[in-house]
Structure formats: structure tokens, C-alpha cells
Amino acid sequence: MLAKRLGRLGLRKVLRAEILIEPLGDPARLNGAGMILVNPPWTFEKELSVLLPALIQVFGGAGKPGFRLDWLTAQPAPGNL
């Protein structure tokens, strides 16, 4: 819900990164983590695309760990800021 609302604010560069360690099930338990970045450094998406799968290997539980890395708003082409 927060991600959709941020995507509609008109900001130009909004990147979402989430990691899920354990399947969603127990609402009292932290199953993952995430962050939303506004105007991240231009190399950050590439760095996270390597880091997130490595984190899953280290912290992944018995369930189905996974991650999401996507732009909530269209990323402008380099030089078109």
C-alpha cells in the first residue's frame, strides 16, 4: 500500500528493495525487510541486484526466501534528470 502511494506522488526515481526470509504466516514475526529509496545513487540498483541474492543465501530459512527489486516510478534515462 505504501509503495503504491509513493508511486503516485510524482517523484521521478523511486526504487523498492525487499527481502523475504520466511513465508508470511505469523503476523507477530518479522519475516523480511525492505526499503524504499528516493533518488538513489545511479549504481545502487546494480549493487542491490548482486547483494539481495547473496543475503538470501546467508539468511534464507527453510521456506521460500526471495527478494523484489523494482522501480515504483519510471527511471529516467541517464542525463535526463
N, C-alpha and C. Protein backbone atom coordinates (compact mmCIF):
# COMPACT_ATOMS: atom_id res chain seq x y z
N MET A 1 0.81 -1.18 0.00
CA MET A 1 0.00 0.00 0.00
C MET A 1 0.87 1.25 0.00
N LEU A 2 1.87 1.31 0.88
CA LEU A 2 2.77 2.46 0.92
C LEU A 2 3.48 2.63 -0.42
N ALA A 3 3.93 1.53 -1.00
CA ALA A 3 4.65 1.60 -2.26
C ALA A 3 3.77 2.19 -3.36
N LYS A 4 2.51 1.79 -3.43
CA LYS A 4 1.61 2.32 -4.46
C LYS A 4 1.39 3.82 -4.26
N ARG A 5 1.24 4.23 -3.02
CA ARG A 5 1.03 5.65 -2.75
C ARG A 5 2.25 6.47 -3.12
N LEU A 6 3.42 5.96 -2.82
CA LEU A 6 4.65 6.67 -3.20
C LEU A 6 4.80 6.74 -4.72
N GLY A 7 4.41 5.68 -5.40
CA GLY A 7 4.49 5.67 -6.85
C GLY A 7 3.61 6.71 -7.51
N ARG A 8 2.56 7.14 -6.81
CA ARG A 8 1.63 8.13 -7.36
C ARG A 8 1.96 9.57 -6.98
N LEU A 9 3.03 9.78 -6.23
CA LEU A 9 3.37 11.13 -5.77
C LEU A 9 4.00 12.00 -6.84
N GLY A 10 4.42 11.39 -7.92
CA GLY A 10 5.04 12.18 -8.98
C GLY A 10 6.56 12.30 -8.84
N LEU A 11 7.14 11.58 -7.90
CA LEU A 11 8.59 11.58 -7.77
C LEU A 11 9.17 10.84 -8.97
N ARG A 12 10.36 11.23 -9.40
CA ARG A 12 10.88 10.69 -10.64
C ARG A 12 11.66 9.39 -10.48
N LYS A 13 12.32 9.18 -9.37
CA LYS A 13 13.14 7.97 -9.22
C LYS A 13 12.89 7.36 -7.85
N VAL A 14 12.06 6.32 -7.80
CA VAL A 14 11.74 5.65 -6.53
C VAL A 14 12.00 4.16 -6.71
N LEU A 15 12.97 3.64 -5.95
CA LEU A 15 13.39 2.24 -6.06
C LEU A 15 12.96 1.49 -4.82
N ARG A 16 12.37 0.30 -5.01
CA ARG A 16 11.95 -0.56 -3.89
C ARG A 16 12.86 -1.78 -3.85
N ALA A 17 13.33 -2.11 -2.63
CA ALA A 17 14.14 -3.31 -2.40
C ALA A 17 13.56 -4.02 -1.19
N GLU A 18 13.18 -5.28 -1.37
CA GLU A 18 12.60 -6.08 -0.28
C GLU A 18 13.24 -7.46 -0.28
N ILE A 19 13.34 -8.03 0.91
CA ILE A 19 13.83 -9.39 1.05
C ILE A 19 12.88 -10.13 1.99
N LEU A 20 12.50 -11.32 1.61
CA LEU A 20 11.61 -12.16 2.42
C LEU A 20 12.40 -13.41 2.81
N ILE A 21 12.60 -13.59 4.11
CA ILE A 21 13.39 -14.70 4.61
C ILE A 21 12.53 -15.93 4.87
N GLU A 22 11.40 -15.73 5.47
CA GLU A 22 10.47 -16.81 5.80
C GLU A 22 9.11 -16.49 5.17
N PRO A 23 8.31 -17.50 4.87
CA PRO A 23 6.98 -17.23 4.33
C PRO A 23 6.14 -16.41 5.30
N LEU A 24 5.28 -15.58 4.73
CA LEU A 24 4.37 -14.82 5.57
C LEU A 24 3.42 -15.79 6.27
N GLY A 25 3.21 -15.59 7.52
CA GLY A 25 2.33 -16.50 8.24
C GLY A 25 1.98 -15.96 9.61
N ASP A 26 2.99 -15.73 10.41
CA ASP A 26 2.79 -15.24 11.76
C ASP A 26 2.94 -13.72 11.76
N PRO A 27 1.85 -12.97 11.96
CA PRO A 27 1.94 -11.51 11.91
C PRO A 27 2.77 -10.91 13.04
N ALA A 28 3.07 -11.69 14.07
CA ALA A 28 3.88 -11.20 15.17
C ALA A 28 5.37 -11.40 14.92
N ARG A 29 5.70 -11.99 13.80
CA ARG A 29 7.10 -12.32 13.49
C ARG A 29 7.57 -11.51 12.28
N LEU A 30 8.79 -11.02 12.38
CA LEU A 30 9.39 -10.30 11.25
C LEU A 30 9.87 -11.32 10.23
N ASN A 31 9.29 -11.29 9.05
CA ASN A 31 9.60 -12.28 8.01
C ASN A 31 10.57 -11.75 6.96
N GLY A 32 10.79 -10.46 6.96
CA GLY A 32 11.67 -9.88 5.97
C GLY A 32 11.90 -8.41 6.28
N ALA A 33 12.46 -7.73 5.31
CA ALA A 33 12.74 -6.30 5.47
C ALA A 33 12.72 -5.65 4.10
N GLY A 34 12.60 -4.35 4.10
CA GLY A 34 12.60 -3.64 2.84
C GLY A 34 12.93 -2.18 3.04
N MET A 35 13.19 -1.54 1.92
CA MET A 35 13.42 -0.10 1.95
C MET A 35 12.98 0.49 0.63
N ILE A 36 12.60 1.74 0.70
CA ILE A 36 12.22 2.49 -0.49
C ILE A 36 13.17 3.68 -0.56
N LEU A 37 13.80 3.81 -1.70
CA LEU A 37 14.80 4.86 -1.88
C LEU A 37 14.32 5.86 -2.91
N VAL A 38 14.39 7.13 -2.57
CA VAL A 38 14.05 8.20 -3.49
C VAL A 38 15.36 8.78 -4.01
N ASN A 39 15.51 8.78 -5.31
CA ASN A 39 16.70 9.27 -5.98
C ASN A 39 17.97 8.57 -5.48
N PRO A 40 18.02 7.23 -5.59
CA PRO A 40 19.22 6.52 -5.13
C PRO A 40 20.41 6.80 -6.04
N PRO A 41 21.62 6.54 -5.55
CA PRO A 41 22.80 6.68 -6.42
C PRO A 41 22.63 5.82 -7.67
N TRP A 42 23.19 6.26 -8.76
CA TRP A 42 22.92 5.61 -10.05
C TRP A 42 23.43 4.18 -10.12
N THR A 43 24.35 3.76 -9.28
CA THR A 43 24.84 2.37 -9.30
C THR A 43 24.13 1.48 -8.29
N PHE A 44 23.26 2.05 -7.48
CA PHE A 44 22.68 1.32 -6.36
C PHE A 44 21.82 0.14 -6.79
N GLU A 45 21.04 0.30 -7.84
CA GLU A 45 20.20 -0.81 -8.31
C GLU A 45 21.07 -2.01 -8.71
N LYS A 46 22.15 -1.75 -9.43
CA LYS A 46 23.04 -2.83 -9.85
C LYS A 46 23.67 -3.51 -8.63
N GLU A 47 24.10 -2.73 -7.65
CA GLU A 47 24.71 -3.29 -6.46
C GLU A 47 23.71 -4.15 -5.67
N LEU A 48 22.47 -3.66 -5.55
CA LEU A 48 21.45 -4.44 -4.85
C LEU A 48 21.09 -5.72 -5.59
N SER A 49 21.16 -5.70 -6.92
CA SER A 49 20.83 -6.91 -7.69
C SER A 49 21.84 -8.02 -7.42
N VAL A 50 23.01 -7.69 -6.96
CA VAL A 50 24.01 -8.69 -6.56
C VAL A 50 23.87 -9.01 -5.08
N LEU A 51 23.64 -7.99 -4.27
CA LEU A 51 23.60 -8.15 -2.82
C LEU A 51 22.38 -8.93 -2.33
N LEU A 52 21.21 -8.66 -2.86
CA LEU A 52 19.99 -9.31 -2.36
C LEU A 52 20.02 -10.84 -2.52
N PRO A 53 20.41 -11.39 -3.67
CA PRO A 53 20.50 -12.86 -3.76
C PRO A 53 21.54 -13.44 -2.78
N ALA A 54 22.62 -12.71 -2.54
CA ALA A 54 23.63 -13.19 -1.59
C ALA A 54 23.07 -13.19 -0.17
N LEU A 55 22.28 -12.18 0.18
CA LEU A 55 21.66 -12.14 1.51
C LEU A 55 20.70 -13.30 1.71
N ILE A 56 19.99 -13.66 0.67
CA ILE A 56 19.07 -14.80 0.76
C ILE A 56 19.85 -16.09 1.05
N GLN A 57 21.00 -16.24 0.42
CA GLN A 57 21.82 -17.43 0.66
C GLN A 57 22.29 -17.49 2.11
N VAL A 58 22.61 -16.34 2.69
CA VAL A 58 23.12 -16.30 4.06
C VAL A 58 21.99 -16.45 5.08
N PHE A 59 20.89 -15.71 4.88
CA PHE A 59 19.84 -15.64 5.89
C PHE A 59 18.61 -16.48 5.56
N GLY A 60 18.53 -17.04 4.37
CA GLY A 60 17.34 -17.77 3.95
C GLY A 60 16.98 -18.91 4.88
N GLY A 61 15.71 -19.00 5.19
CA GLY A 61 15.24 -20.06 6.08
C GLY A 61 14.83 -21.29 5.29
N ALA A 62 14.06 -22.13 5.94
CA ALA A 62 13.62 -23.39 5.33
C ALA A 62 12.50 -23.16 4.32
N GLY A 63 11.86 -22.00 4.39
CA GLY A 63 10.76 -21.70 3.47
C GLY A 63 11.27 -21.32 2.10
N LYS A 64 10.58 -20.42 1.45
CA LYS A 64 10.97 -19.96 0.13
C LYS A 64 11.44 -18.51 0.22
N PRO A 65 12.72 -18.28 0.51
CA PRO A 65 13.20 -16.91 0.58
C PRO A 65 13.18 -16.27 -0.81
N GLY A 66 13.04 -14.98 -0.85
CA GLY A 66 13.01 -14.29 -2.12
C GLY A 66 13.27 -12.81 -1.94
N PHE A 67 13.33 -12.10 -3.04
CA PHE A 67 13.52 -10.66 -2.97
C PHE A 67 12.77 -9.99 -4.12
N ARG A 68 12.59 -8.69 -3.95
CA ARG A 68 11.98 -7.87 -5.01
C ARG A 68 12.82 -6.61 -5.12
N LEU A 69 13.17 -6.24 -6.34
CA LEU A 69 13.91 -5.02 -6.62
C LEU A 69 13.28 -4.42 -7.87
N ASP A 70 12.58 -3.32 -7.69
CA ASP A 70 11.91 -2.71 -8.84
C ASP A 70 11.74 -1.21 -8.64
N TRP A 71 11.50 -0.55 -9.76
CA TRP A 71 11.25 0.89 -9.73
C TRP A 71 9.75 1.11 -9.57
N LEU A 72 9.38 1.93 -8.59
CA LEU A 72 7.97 2.27 -8.40
C LEU A 72 7.54 3.34 -9.39
N THR A 73 8.48 4.09 -9.86
CA THR A 73 8.23 5.10 -10.90
C THR A 73 9.24 4.87 -12.01
N ALA A 74 8.94 5.35 -13.17
CA ALA A 74 9.84 5.16 -14.29
C ALA A 74 11.17 5.85 -14.00
N GLN A 75 12.24 5.12 -14.26
CA GLN A 75 13.57 5.70 -14.07
C GLN A 75 13.94 6.46 -15.33
N PRO A 76 14.29 7.73 -15.20
CA PRO A 76 14.68 8.49 -16.40
C PRO A 76 15.99 7.99 -16.97
N ALA A 77 16.16 8.16 -18.25
CA ALA A 77 17.42 7.78 -18.88
C ALA A 77 18.54 8.65 -18.33
N PRO A 78 19.77 8.10 -18.26
CA PRO A 78 20.89 8.90 -17.76
C PRO A 78 21.01 10.21 -18.55
N GLY A 79 21.23 11.27 -17.84
CA GLY A 79 21.35 12.58 -18.49
C GLY A 79 20.02 13.31 -18.62
N ASN A 80 18.90 12.64 -18.31
CA ASN A 80 17.58 13.27 -18.42
C ASN A 80 16.98 13.54 -17.06
N LEU A 81 17.77 13.99 -16.14
CA LEU A 81 17.28 14.27 -14.81
C LEU A 81 16.60 15.59 -14.83
